[in-house]
Structure formats: C-alpha cells, structure tokens
C-alpha cells in the first residue's frame, strides 16, 4: 500500500467492512498507526441519528501489537486509549 493508498483507506467502505484483514495487512506495512478523518458526509449521516452519541470526526487505528501495548500502558501520553 502506497502512502496514497494508505490515505485513501476507508474503514467504513463496504469492501473494508466485508473483509478488513487484507486492508489491515497492507496498512500495517505502510502506516501502522493510521489516522482516519471521517468524511463530512459520514459525520453528517451519523449526526442525523438521534440515538447516536456525539460522533467523533476522526479516529486512529493501531495495527501492531507493540503500538497497542504502548498506547494502553501510557495513559498520560494517550489519554483516550
């Protein structure tokens, strides 16, 4: 996965939802701690749901065990982990 492909990765796409592992595998090599800003249309769609909590406009995906452990064991550095 190139940097362009990593930037284009959408975890909410039908292909990623149906089978996320190939996407994660490629992303793990190119961008193992991936920042994904939600597209404005997706934020608007989620916001329209009266039962949904206030939606985030972005999220991070950590794909390597060492990164996940670091995030979970360093609450001062990663306060929302």
PDB file of N, CA and C in Angstrom:
ATOM      1  N   UNK A   1       0.860  -1.162   0.000  1.00  0.00           N
ATOM      2  CA  UNK A   1       0.000   0.000   0.000  1.00  0.00           C
ATOM      3  C   UNK A   1       0.908   1.227   0.000  1.00  0.00           C
ATOM      4  N   UNK A   2       0.708   2.073  -0.946  1.00  0.00           N
ATOM      5  CA  UNK A   2       1.495   3.297  -1.005  1.00  0.00           C
ATOM      6  C   UNK A   2       0.931   4.308  -0.026  1.00  0.00           C
ATOM      7  N   UNK A   3       1.657   5.402   0.155  1.00  0.00           N
ATOM      8  CA  UNK A   3       1.136   6.458   1.020  1.00  0.00           C
ATOM      9  C   UNK A   3      -0.219   6.936   0.520  1.00  0.00           C
ATOM     10  N   UNK A   4      -0.379   7.024  -0.799  1.00  0.00           N
ATOM     11  CA  UNK A   4      -1.653   7.440  -1.382  1.00  0.00           C
ATOM     12  C   UNK A   4      -2.740   6.427  -1.050  1.00  0.00           C
ATOM     13  N   UNK A   5      -2.420   5.164  -1.159  1.00  0.00           N
ATOM     14  CA  UNK A   5      -3.395   4.125  -0.830  1.00  0.00           C
ATOM     15  C   UNK A   5      -3.728   4.148   0.657  1.00  0.00           C
ATOM     16  N   UNK A   6      -2.730   4.403   1.498  1.00  0.00           N
ATOM     17  CA  UNK A   6      -2.985   4.494   2.939  1.00  0.00           C
ATOM     18  C   UNK A   6      -3.893   5.676   3.240  1.00  0.00           C
ATOM     19  N   UNK A   7      -3.661   6.787   2.571  1.00  0.00           N
ATOM     20  CA  UNK A   7      -4.504   7.954   2.780  1.00  0.00           C
ATOM     21  C   UNK A   7      -5.929   7.698   2.294  1.00  0.00           C
ATOM     22  N   UNK A   8      -6.086   6.862   1.278  1.00  0.00           N
ATOM     23  CA  UNK A   8      -7.406   6.581   0.715  1.00  0.00           C
ATOM     24  C   UNK A   8      -8.153   5.488   1.477  1.00  0.00           C
ATOM     25  N   UNK A   9      -7.486   4.798   2.391  1.00  0.00           N
ATOM     26  CA  UNK A   9      -8.125   3.718   3.141  1.00  0.00           C
ATOM     27  C   UNK A   9      -9.335   4.247   3.897  1.00  0.00           C
ATOM     28  N   UNK A  10     -10.453   3.579   3.722  1.00  0.00           N
ATOM     29  CA  UNK A  10     -11.688   3.970   4.398  1.00  0.00           C
ATOM     30  C   UNK A  10     -12.233   2.748   5.124  1.00  0.00           C
ATOM     31  N   UNK A  11     -12.105   2.701   6.452  1.00  0.00           N
ATOM     32  CA  UNK A  11     -12.594   1.539   7.194  1.00  0.00           C
ATOM     33  C   UNK A  11     -14.108   1.408   7.172  1.00  0.00           C
ATOM     34  N   UNK A  12     -14.799   2.420   6.684  1.00  0.00           N
ATOM     35  CA  UNK A  12     -16.260   2.359   6.597  1.00  0.00           C
ATOM     36  C   UNK A  12     -16.742   1.939   5.218  1.00  0.00           C
ATOM     37  N   UNK A  13     -15.809   1.677   4.305  1.00  0.00           N
ATOM     38  CA  UNK A  13     -16.202   1.261   2.960  1.00  0.00           C
ATOM     39  C   UNK A  13     -16.769  -0.159   2.994  1.00  0.00           C
ATOM     40  N   UNK A  14     -17.666  -0.475   2.076  1.00  0.00           N
ATOM     41  CA  UNK A  14     -18.217  -1.840   2.041  1.00  0.00           C
ATOM     42  C   UNK A  14     -17.146  -2.919   1.911  1.00  0.00           C
ATOM     43  N   UNK A  15     -16.110  -2.660   1.130  1.00  0.00           N
ATOM     44  CA  UNK A  15     -15.049  -3.658   0.954  1.00  0.00           C
ATOM     45  C   UNK A  15     -14.298  -3.892   2.262  1.00  0.00           C
ATOM     46  N   UNK A  16     -13.986  -2.833   2.988  1.00  0.00           N
ATOM     47  CA  UNK A  16     -13.261  -2.977   4.253  1.00  0.00           C
ATOM     48  C   UNK A  16     -14.134  -3.630   5.316  1.00  0.00           C
ATOM     49  N   UNK A  17     -15.412  -3.329   5.311  1.00  0.00           N
ATOM     50  CA  UNK A  17     -16.324  -3.945   6.283  1.00  0.00           C
ATOM     51  C   UNK A  17     -16.490  -5.435   5.991  1.00  0.00           C
ATOM     52  N   UNK A  18     -16.605  -5.777   4.720  1.00  0.00           N
ATOM     53  CA  UNK A  18     -16.814  -7.176   4.341  1.00  0.00           C
ATOM     54  C   UNK A  18     -15.596  -8.039   4.657  1.00  0.00           C
ATOM     55  N   UNK A  19     -14.403  -7.508   4.431  1.00  0.00           N
ATOM     56  CA  UNK A  19     -13.182  -8.283   4.661  1.00  0.00           C
ATOM     57  C   UNK A  19     -12.042  -7.322   5.005  1.00  0.00           C
ATOM     58  N   UNK A  20     -11.926  -6.923   6.276  1.00  0.00           N
ATOM     59  CA  UNK A  20     -10.931  -5.909   6.631  1.00  0.00           C
ATOM     60  C   UNK A  20      -9.489  -6.396   6.652  1.00  0.00           C
ATOM     61  N   UNK A  21      -9.261  -7.690   6.818  1.00  0.00           N
ATOM     62  CA  UNK A  21      -7.897  -8.187   7.008  1.00  0.00           C
ATOM     63  C   UNK A  21      -6.929  -7.801   5.884  1.00  0.00           C
ATOM     64  N   UNK A  22      -7.285  -7.938   4.605  1.00  0.00           N
ATOM     65  CA  UNK A  22      -6.328  -7.531   3.565  1.00  0.00           C
ATOM     66  C   UNK A  22      -5.967  -6.044   3.654  1.00  0.00           C
ATOM     67  N   UNK A  23      -6.938  -5.226   4.006  1.00  0.00           N
ATOM     68  CA  UNK A  23      -6.680  -3.791   4.152  1.00  0.00           C
ATOM     69  C   UNK A  23      -5.743  -3.550   5.329  1.00  0.00           C
ATOM     70  N   UNK A  24      -5.994  -4.214   6.451  1.00  0.00           N
ATOM     71  CA  UNK A  24      -5.151  -4.060   7.641  1.00  0.00           C
ATOM     72  C   UNK A  24      -3.729  -4.525   7.358  1.00  0.00           C
ATOM     73  N   UNK A  25      -3.612  -5.624   6.632  1.00  0.00           N
ATOM     74  CA  UNK A  25      -2.293  -6.180   6.336  1.00  0.00           C
ATOM     75  C   UNK A  25      -1.466  -5.175   5.538  1.00  0.00           C
ATOM     76  N   UNK A  26      -2.063  -4.602   4.493  1.00  0.00           N
ATOM     77  CA  UNK A  26      -1.337  -3.617   3.675  1.00  0.00           C
ATOM     78  C   UNK A  26      -1.068  -2.351   4.474  1.00  0.00           C
ATOM     79  N   UNK A  27      -2.048  -1.926   5.250  1.00  0.00           N
ATOM     80  CA  UNK A  27      -1.897  -0.708   6.043  1.00  0.00           C
ATOM     81  C   UNK A  27      -0.847  -0.894   7.139  1.00  0.00           C
ATOM     82  N   UNK A  28      -0.785  -2.078   7.710  1.00  0.00           N
ATOM     83  CA  UNK A  28       0.211  -2.369   8.763  1.00  0.00           C
ATOM     84  C   UNK A  28       1.627  -2.112   8.246  1.00  0.00           C
ATOM     85  N   UNK A  29       1.868  -2.426   6.978  1.00  0.00           N
ATOM     86  CA  UNK A  29       3.194  -2.205   6.396  1.00  0.00           C
ATOM     87  C   UNK A  29       3.441  -0.737   6.057  1.00  0.00           C
ATOM     88  N   UNK A  30       2.415  -0.036   5.580  1.00  0.00           N
ATOM     89  CA  UNK A  30       2.591   1.335   5.097  1.00  0.00           C
ATOM     90  C   UNK A  30       2.360   2.398   6.165  1.00  0.00           C
ATOM     91  N   UNK A  31       1.421   2.151   7.064  1.00  0.00           N
ATOM     92  CA  UNK A  31       1.027   3.182   8.032  1.00  0.00           C
ATOM     93  C   UNK A  31       0.404   2.492   9.244  1.00  0.00           C
ATOM     94  N   UNK A  32       1.238   1.858  10.102  1.00  0.00           N
ATOM     95  CA  UNK A  32       0.709   1.008  11.172  1.00  0.00           C
ATOM     96  C   UNK A  32      -0.081   1.733  12.261  1.00  0.00           C
ATOM     97  N   UNK A  33       0.122   3.031  12.411  1.00  0.00           N
ATOM     98  CA  UNK A  33      -0.726   3.827  13.304  1.00  0.00           C
ATOM     99  C   UNK A  33      -1.374   4.862  12.389  1.00  0.00           C
ATOM    100  N   UNK A  34      -2.566   4.530  11.953  1.00  0.00           N
ATOM    101  CA  UNK A  34      -3.219   5.274  10.871  1.00  0.00           C
ATOM    102  C   UNK A  34      -4.275   6.239  11.407  1.00  0.00           C
ATOM    103  N   UNK A  35      -4.201   7.477  10.954  1.00  0.00           N
ATOM    104  CA  UNK A  35      -5.196   8.497  11.294  1.00  0.00           C
ATOM    105  C   UNK A  35      -6.246   8.530  10.193  1.00  0.00           C
ATOM    106  N   UNK A  36      -7.510   8.442  10.587  1.00  0.00           N
ATOM    107  CA  UNK A  36      -8.594   8.470   9.611  1.00  0.00           C
ATOM    108  C   UNK A  36      -9.598   9.553   9.988  1.00  0.00           C
ATOM    109  N   UNK A  37      -9.593  10.681   9.264  1.00  0.00           N
ATOM    110  CA  UNK A  37     -10.630  11.685   9.500  1.00  0.00           C
ATOM    111  C   UNK A  37     -11.910  11.252   8.768  1.00  0.00           C
ATOM    112  N   UNK A  38     -13.010  11.271   9.471  1.00  0.00           N
ATOM    113  CA  UNK A  38     -14.268  10.895   8.829  1.00  0.00           C
ATOM    114  C   UNK A  38     -14.635  11.928   7.773  1.00  0.00           C
ATOM    115  N   UNK A  39     -15.109  11.487   6.619  1.00  0.00           N
ATOM    116  CA  UNK A  39     -15.564  12.435   5.608  1.00  0.00           C
ATOM    117  C   UNK A  39     -16.767  13.223   6.145  1.00  0.00           C
ATOM    118  N   UNK A  40     -16.896  14.492   5.774  1.00  0.00           N
ATOM    119  CA  UNK A  40     -18.006  15.306   6.272  1.00  0.00           C
ATOM    120  C   UNK A  40     -19.376  14.664   6.062  1.00  0.00           C
ATOM    121  N   UNK A  41     -19.573  13.996   4.946  1.00  0.00           N
ATOM    122  CA  UNK A  41     -20.865  13.356   4.685  1.00  0.00           C
ATOM    123  C   UNK A  41     -21.141  12.249   5.704  1.00  0.00           C
ATOM    124  N   UNK A  42     -20.109  11.542   6.106  1.00  0.00           N
ATOM    125  CA  UNK A  42     -20.276  10.465   7.092  1.00  0.00           C
ATOM    126  C   UNK A  42     -20.584  11.046   8.474  1.00  0.00           C
ATOM    127  N   UNK A  43     -19.917  12.136   8.837  1.00  0.00           N
ATOM    128  CA  UNK A  43     -20.197  12.809  10.109  1.00  0.00           C
ATOM    129  C   UNK A  43     -21.645  13.286  10.119  1.00  0.00           C
ATOM    130  N   UNK A  44     -22.078  13.850   9.013  1.00  0.00           N
ATOM    131  CA  UNK A  44     -23.460  14.339   8.905  1.00  0.00           C
ATOM    132  C   UNK A  44     -24.461  13.184   9.015  1.00  0.00           C
ATOM    133  N   UNK A  45     -24.159  12.064   8.364  1.00  0.00           N
ATOM    134  CA  UNK A  45     -25.056  10.903   8.415  1.00  0.00           C
ATOM    135  C   UNK A  45     -25.171  10.372   9.841  1.00  0.00           C
ATOM    136  N   UNK A  46     -24.044  10.254  10.521  1.00  0.00           N
ATOM    137  CA  UNK A  46     -24.054   9.757  11.890  1.00  0.00           C
ATOM    138  C   UNK A  46     -24.755  10.748  12.813  1.00  0.00           C
ATOM    139  N   UNK A  47     -24.517  12.031  12.597  1.00  0.00           N
ATOM    140  CA  UNK A  47     -25.130  13.070  13.435  1.00  0.00           C
ATOM    141  C   UNK A  47     -26.642  13.089  13.306  1.00  0.00           C
ATOM    142  N   UNK A  48     -27.160  12.641  12.188  1.00  0.00           N
ATOM    143  CA  UNK A  48     -28.604  12.640  11.965  1.00  0.00           C
ATOM    144  C   UNK A  48     -29.311  11.571  12.779  1.00  0.00           C
ATOM    145  N   UNK A  49     -28.579  10.604  13.319  1.00  0.00           N
ATOM    146  CA  UNK A  49     -29.168   9.540  14.113  1.00  0.00           C
ATOM    147  C   UNK A  49     -29.434  10.071  15.525  1.00  0.00           C
ATOM    148  N   UNK A  50     -30.708  10.187  15.923  1.00  0.00           N
ATOM    149  CA  UNK A  50     -31.000  10.746  17.241  1.00  0.00           C
ATOM    150  C   UNK A  50     -30.552   9.849  18.401  1.00  0.00           C
ATOM    151  N   UNK A  51     -30.256   8.589  18.122  1.00  0.00           N
ATOM    152  CA  UNK A  51     -29.834   7.661  19.170  1.00  0.00           C
ATOM    153  C   UNK A  51     -28.316   7.565  19.297  1.00  0.00           C
ATOM    154  N   UNK A  52     -27.589   8.183  18.392  1.00  0.00           N
ATOM    155  CA  UNK A  52     -26.133   8.109  18.420  1.00  0.00           C
ATOM    156  C   UNK A  52     -25.567   9.169  19.354  1.00  0.00           C
ATOM    157  N   UNK A  53     -24.489   8.811  19.986  1.00  0.00           N
ATOM    158  CA  UNK A  53     -23.763   9.799  20.785  1.00  0.00           C
ATOM    159  C   UNK A  53     -23.153  10.813  19.828  1.00  0.00           C
ATOM    160  N   UNK A  54     -22.645  11.883  20.369  1.00  0.00           N
ATOM    161  CA  UNK A  54     -21.995  12.871  19.515  1.00  0.00           C
ATOM    162  C   UNK A  54     -20.852  12.187  18.777  1.00  0.00           C
ATOM    163  N   UNK A  55     -20.882  12.207  17.454  1.00  0.00           N
ATOM    164  CA  UNK A  55     -19.875  11.462  16.710  1.00  0.00           C
ATOM    165  C   UNK A  55     -18.511  12.149  16.745  1.00  0.00           C
ATOM    166  N   UNK A  56     -17.510  11.323  16.675  1.00  0.00           N
ATOM    167  CA  UNK A  56     -16.162  11.839  16.524  1.00  0.00           C
ATOM    168  C   UNK A  56     -15.985  12.208  15.062  1.00  0.00           C
ATOM    169  N   UNK A  57     -15.044  13.039  14.774  1.00  0.00           N
ATOM    170  CA  UNK A  57     -14.766  13.394  13.385  1.00  0.00           C
ATOM    171  C   UNK A  57     -13.510  12.714  12.874  1.00  0.00           C
ATOM    172  N   UNK A  58     -12.889  11.927  13.756  1.00  0.00           N
ATOM    173  CA  UNK A  58     -11.671  11.232  13.367  1.00  0.00           C
ATOM    174  C   UNK A  58     -11.429  10.056  14.306  1.00  0.00           C
ATOM    175  N   UNK A  59     -10.601   9.132  13.861  1.00  0.00           N
ATOM    176  CA  UNK A  59     -10.130   8.091  14.761  1.00  0.00           C
ATOM    177  C   UNK A  59      -8.801   7.554  14.276  1.00  0.00           C
ATOM    178  N   UNK A  60      -8.148   6.844  15.155  1.00  0.00           N
ATOM    179  CA  UNK A  60      -6.849   6.258  14.879  1.00  0.00           C
ATOM    180  C   UNK A  60      -6.980   4.745  14.908  1.00  0.00           C
ATOM    181  N   UNK A  61      -6.208   4.086  14.064  1.00  0.00           N
ATOM    182  CA  UNK A  61      -6.156   2.630  14.042  1.00  0.00           C
ATOM    183  C   UNK A  61      -4.712   2.221  14.310  1.00  0.00           C
ATOM    184  N   UNK A  62      -4.506   1.451  15.360  1.00  0.00           N
ATOM    185  CA  UNK A  62      -3.181   0.913  15.674  1.00  0.00           C
ATOM    186  C   UNK A  62      -3.178  -0.559  15.270  1.00  0.00           C
ATOM    187  N   UNK A  63      -2.239  -0.931  14.420  1.00  0.00           N
ATOM    188  CA  UNK A  63      -2.268  -2.262  13.822  1.00  0.00           C
ATOM    189  C   UNK A  63      -1.129  -3.188  14.244  1.00  0.00           C
ATOM    190  N   UNK A  64      -0.210  -2.690  15.054  1.00  0.00           N
ATOM    191  CA  UNK A  64       0.875  -3.545  15.538  1.00  0.00           C
ATOM    192  C   UNK A  64       0.734  -3.725  17.048  1.00  0.00           C
ATOM    193  N   UNK A  65       1.009  -4.923  17.505  1.00  0.00           N
ATOM    194  CA  UNK A  65       0.872  -5.250  18.921  1.00  0.00           C
ATOM    195  C   UNK A  65       1.663  -4.292  19.797  1.00  0.00           C
ATOM    196  N   UNK A  66       2.892  -4.008  19.437  1.00  0.00           N
ATOM    197  CA  UNK A  66       3.731  -3.129  20.254  1.00  0.00           C
ATOM    198  C   UNK A  66       3.129  -1.734  20.375  1.00  0.00           C
ATOM    199  N   UNK A  67       2.538  -1.234  19.303  1.00  0.00           N
ATOM    200  CA  UNK A  67       1.901   0.092  19.351  1.00  0.00           C
ATOM    201  C   UNK A  67       0.677   0.076  20.259  1.00  0.00           C
ATOM    202  N   UNK A  68      -0.113  -0.978  20.176  1.00  0.00           N
ATOM    203  CA  UNK A  68      -1.305  -1.093  21.019  1.00  0.00           C
ATOM    204  C   UNK A  68      -0.897  -1.159  22.492  1.00  0.00           C
ATOM    205  N   UNK A  69       0.098  -1.980  22.811  1.00  0.00           N
ATOM    206  CA  UNK A  69       0.566  -2.092  24.192  1.00  0.00           C
ATOM    207  C   UNK A  69       1.060  -0.740  24.693  1.00  0.00           C
ATOM    208  N   UNK A  70       1.824  -0.039  23.872  1.00  0.00           N
ATOM    209  CA  UNK A  70       2.339   1.278  24.283  1.00  0.00           C
ATOM    210  C   UNK A  70       1.189   2.242  24.572  1.00  0.00           C
ATOM    211  N   UNK A  71       0.188   2.231  23.726  1.00  0.00           N
ATOM    212  CA  UNK A  71      -0.949   3.135  23.923  1.00  0.00           C
ATOM    213  C   UNK A  71      -1.736   2.791  25.183  1.00  0.00           C
ATOM    214  N   UNK A  72      -1.944   1.508  25.406  1.00  0.00           N
ATOM    215  CA  UNK A  72      -2.746   1.091  26.557  1.00  0.00           C
ATOM    216  C   UNK A  72      -2.012   1.221  27.890  1.00  0.00           C
ATOM    217  N   UNK A  73      -0.698   1.262  27.845  1.00  0.00           N
ATOM    218  CA  UNK A  73       0.063   1.329  29.093  1.00  0.00           C
ATOM    219  C   UNK A  73       0.655   2.714  29.358  1.00  0.00           C
ATOM    220  N   UNK A  74       0.320   3.702  28.550  1.00  0.00           N
ATOM    221  CA  UNK A  74       0.798   5.065  28.743  1.00  0.00           C
ATOM    222  C   UNK A  74      -0.376   6.051  28.705  1.00  0.00           C
ATOM    223  N   UNK A  75      -1.217   6.041  29.737  1.00  0.00           N
ATOM    224  CA  UNK A  75      -2.407   6.895  29.707  1.00  0.00           C
ATOM    225  C   UNK A  75      -2.104   8.387  29.678  1.00  0.00           C
ATOM    226  N   UNK A  76      -0.950   8.797  30.155  1.00  0.00           N
ATOM    227  CA  UNK A  76      -0.616  10.224  30.084  1.00  0.00           C
ATOM    228  C   UNK A  76      -0.314  10.647  28.646  1.00  0.00           C
ATOM    229  N   UNK A  77       0.311   9.763  27.913  1.00  0.00           N
ATOM    230  CA  UNK A  77       0.629  10.062  26.523  1.00  0.00           C
ATOM    231  C   UNK A  77      -0.575   9.854  25.611  1.00  0.00           C
ATOM    232  N   UNK A  78      -1.411   8.885  25.931  1.00  0.00           N
ATOM    233  CA  UNK A  78      -2.589   8.545  25.133  1.00  0.00           C
ATOM    234  C   UNK A  78      -3.814   8.529  26.047  1.00  0.00           C
ATOM    235  N   UNK A  79      -4.331   9.699  26.432  1.00  0.00           N
ATOM    236  CA  UNK A  79      -5.380   9.759  27.440  1.00  0.00           C
ATOM    237  C   UNK A  79      -6.724   9.149  27.042  1.00  0.00           C
ATOM    238  N   UNK A  80      -6.964   8.966  25.768  1.00  0.00           N
ATOM    239  CA  UNK A  80      -8.254   8.392  25.371  1.00  0.00           C
ATOM    240  C   UNK A  80      -8.173   6.915  25.055  1.00  0.00           C
ATOM    241  N   UNK A  81      -7.027   6.289  25.284  1.00  0.00           N
ATOM    242  CA  UNK A  81      -6.860   4.867  24.973  1.00  0.00           C
ATOM    243  C   UNK A  81      -7.663   4.008  25.913  1.00  0.00           C
TER     244      UNK A  81
END
